[in-house]
Amino acid sequence: MVLKTFNIQEDVYKKFSKFCKEHGLSMSKQIELFMRSFLEEEPKARKEYLEKLERIRKGRFIGVKSFSERYGL
């Protein structure tokens, strides 16, 4: 493993750090996956990452069949 330094806007860093903490994700692993996705035609995600994404997708959401009917637009 290699330690690298990057110049990132502080507000972007803070927002992404908060997001990762709230979702129990490793910030460095997310950056690594992002980089790999640019290098591989079909990026491979770790099983743990996919499981966390699935938990997020199964969150508490409101089902809407027709947006315009529900919200009168």
Protein backbone atom coordinates (compact mmCIF):
# COMPACT_ATOMS: atom_id res chain seq x y z
CA MET A 1 0.00 0.00 0.00
CA VAL A 2 1.22 3.49 -0.84
CA LEU A 3 0.48 6.76 0.92
CA LYS A 4 -0.22 9.61 -1.53
CA THR A 5 -1.13 13.24 -1.06
CA PHE A 6 -3.75 15.00 -3.17
CA ASN A 7 -4.90 18.61 -3.30
CA ILE A 8 -8.69 18.64 -2.82
CA GLN A 9 -10.97 21.54 -1.99
CA GLU A 10 -11.67 21.47 1.73
CA ASP A 11 -15.46 21.70 1.42
CA VAL A 12 -15.54 18.75 -1.01
CA TYR A 13 -13.33 16.72 1.33
CA LYS A 14 -15.51 17.49 4.35
CA LYS A 15 -18.74 16.59 2.54
CA PHE A 16 -17.32 13.33 1.22
CA SER A 17 -15.81 12.46 4.59
CA LYS A 18 -19.18 13.04 6.28
CA PHE A 19 -20.94 10.92 3.64
CA CYS A 20 -18.50 8.04 4.13
CA LYS A 21 -18.84 8.18 7.93
CA GLU A 22 -22.64 8.24 7.76
CA HIS A 23 -22.67 5.17 5.51
CA GLY A 24 -19.86 3.28 7.24
CA LEU A 25 -17.56 3.47 4.21
CA SER A 26 -13.80 3.80 4.04
CA MET A 27 -12.97 7.05 2.26
CA SER A 28 -9.67 5.78 0.90
CA LYS A 29 -11.30 2.62 -0.46
CA GLN A 30 -13.99 4.72 -2.19
CA ILE A 31 -11.29 6.80 -3.88
CA GLU A 32 -9.43 3.64 -4.87
CA LEU A 33 -12.59 2.15 -6.39
CA PHE A 34 -13.21 5.41 -8.24
CA MET A 35 -9.69 5.33 -9.72
CA ARG A 36 -9.98 1.69 -10.71
CA SER A 37 -13.25 2.38 -12.50
CA PHE A 38 -11.34 4.70 -14.84
CA LEU A 39 -8.71 2.06 -15.53
CA GLU A 40 -10.90 -1.00 -16.04
CA GLU A 41 -13.55 -1.53 -18.68
CA GLU A 42 -15.75 -3.35 -16.21
CA PRO A 43 -14.84 -2.25 -12.69
CA LYS A 44 -15.03 -4.91 -10.02
CA ALA A 45 -16.53 -3.84 -6.73
CA ARG A 46 -15.79 -5.63 -3.50
CA LYS A 47 -18.55 -7.74 -2.04
CA GLU A 48 -18.66 -5.60 1.12
CA TYR A 49 -19.11 -2.44 -0.95
CA LEU A 50 -21.97 -3.96 -2.93
CA GLU A 51 -23.66 -5.14 0.26
CA LYS A 52 -23.48 -1.64 1.74
CA LEU A 53 -24.93 -0.16 -1.43
CA GLU A 54 -27.78 -2.67 -1.31
CA ARG A 55 -28.57 -1.71 2.32
CA ILE A 56 -28.69 1.94 1.27
CA ARG A 57 -30.99 1.12 -1.65
CA LYS A 58 -33.34 -0.74 0.68
CA GLY A 59 -33.66 2.37 2.85
CA ARG A 60 -36.90 3.95 3.95
CA PHE A 61 -38.26 5.52 0.76
CA ILE A 62 -41.75 6.53 -0.31
CA GLY A 63 -43.07 4.51 -3.23
CA VAL A 64 -44.55 6.74 -5.94
CA LYS A 65 -46.31 5.25 -8.96
CA SER A 66 -47.09 8.57 -10.58
CA PHE A 67 -45.20 11.66 -9.50
CA SER A 68 -47.70 14.04 -11.07
CA GLU A 69 -50.69 12.35 -9.39
CA ARG A 70 -48.99 12.31 -5.99
CA TYR A 71 -47.72 15.87 -6.08
CA GLY A 72 -50.27 17.48 -8.41
CA LEU A 73 -47.84 18.59 -11.09
